[in-house]
Amino acid sequence: MVKAAILFLIIAIIAGIFGFFGIVSAAVGIAKILFVIFLILFVVSLIFGRRKSY
């Protein structure tokens, strides 16, 4: 999922350089959503992943 967020970020940067503003806003929006989802899953895995199974 991080790879997808990075991919959309790169697409947004390249599109921004060439001036495709519609593509930029779409790619940035998708990258932000994927980043937030990744961040939430990372925090959940930190909280629940450290438990010892008895």
Protein backbone atom coordinates (compact mmCIF):
# COMPACT_ATOMS: atom_id res chain seq x y z
CA MET A 1 0.00 0.00 0.00
CA VAL A 2 2.92 2.31 0.65
CA LYS A 3 4.16 1.63 -2.88
CA ALA A 4 0.79 2.73 -4.26
CA ALA A 5 0.86 5.96 -2.23
CA ILE A 6 4.39 6.70 -3.41
CA LEU A 7 3.39 5.92 -7.00
CA PHE A 8 0.48 8.37 -6.88
CA LEU A 9 2.74 10.98 -5.27
CA ILE A 10 5.24 10.62 -8.12
CA ILE A 11 2.42 10.84 -10.67
CA ALA A 12 1.19 14.01 -8.97
CA ILE A 13 4.65 15.58 -9.04
CA ILE A 14 5.24 14.71 -12.70
CA ALA A 15 1.77 15.92 -13.67
CA GLY A 16 2.36 19.12 -11.72
CA ILE A 17 5.57 19.77 -13.61
CA PHE A 18 3.78 19.42 -16.94
CA GLY A 19 0.75 21.42 -15.79
CA PHE A 20 -2.02 18.80 -15.76
CA PHE A 21 -3.92 20.27 -12.84
CA GLY A 22 -6.88 17.86 -12.97
CA ILE A 23 -4.57 14.86 -12.80
CA VAL A 24 -2.58 16.49 -10.00
CA SER A 25 -5.58 16.95 -7.74
CA ALA A 26 -6.80 13.39 -8.36
CA ALA A 27 -3.39 11.82 -7.76
CA VAL A 28 -2.75 13.90 -4.64
CA GLY A 29 -6.16 12.98 -3.26
CA ILE A 30 -5.55 9.27 -3.80
CA ALA A 31 -2.05 9.52 -2.31
CA LYS A 32 -3.40 11.27 0.79
CA ILE A 33 -6.10 8.65 1.30
CA LEU A 34 -3.65 5.77 0.88
CA PHE A 35 -1.17 7.44 3.24
CA VAL A 36 -3.81 7.86 5.96
CA ILE A 37 -4.92 4.24 5.57
CA PHE A 38 -1.29 3.08 5.77
CA LEU A 39 -0.69 5.22 8.84
CA ILE A 40 -3.77 3.83 10.61
CA LEU A 41 -2.80 0.25 9.81
CA PHE A 42 0.76 0.92 11.00
CA VAL A 43 -0.43 2.26 14.36
CA VAL A 44 -2.85 -0.66 14.80
CA SER A 45 -0.07 -3.14 14.02
CA LEU A 46 2.18 -1.43 16.57
CA ILE A 47 -0.48 -1.66 19.25
CA PHE A 48 -1.69 -5.21 18.61
CA GLY A 49 1.44 -6.73 17.05
CA ARG A 50 3.57 -6.64 20.19
CA ARG A 51 1.36 -8.85 22.30
CA LYS A 52 2.82 -12.14 23.47
CA SER A 53 0.76 -15.23 22.81
CA TYR A 54 0.60 -17.47 25.87
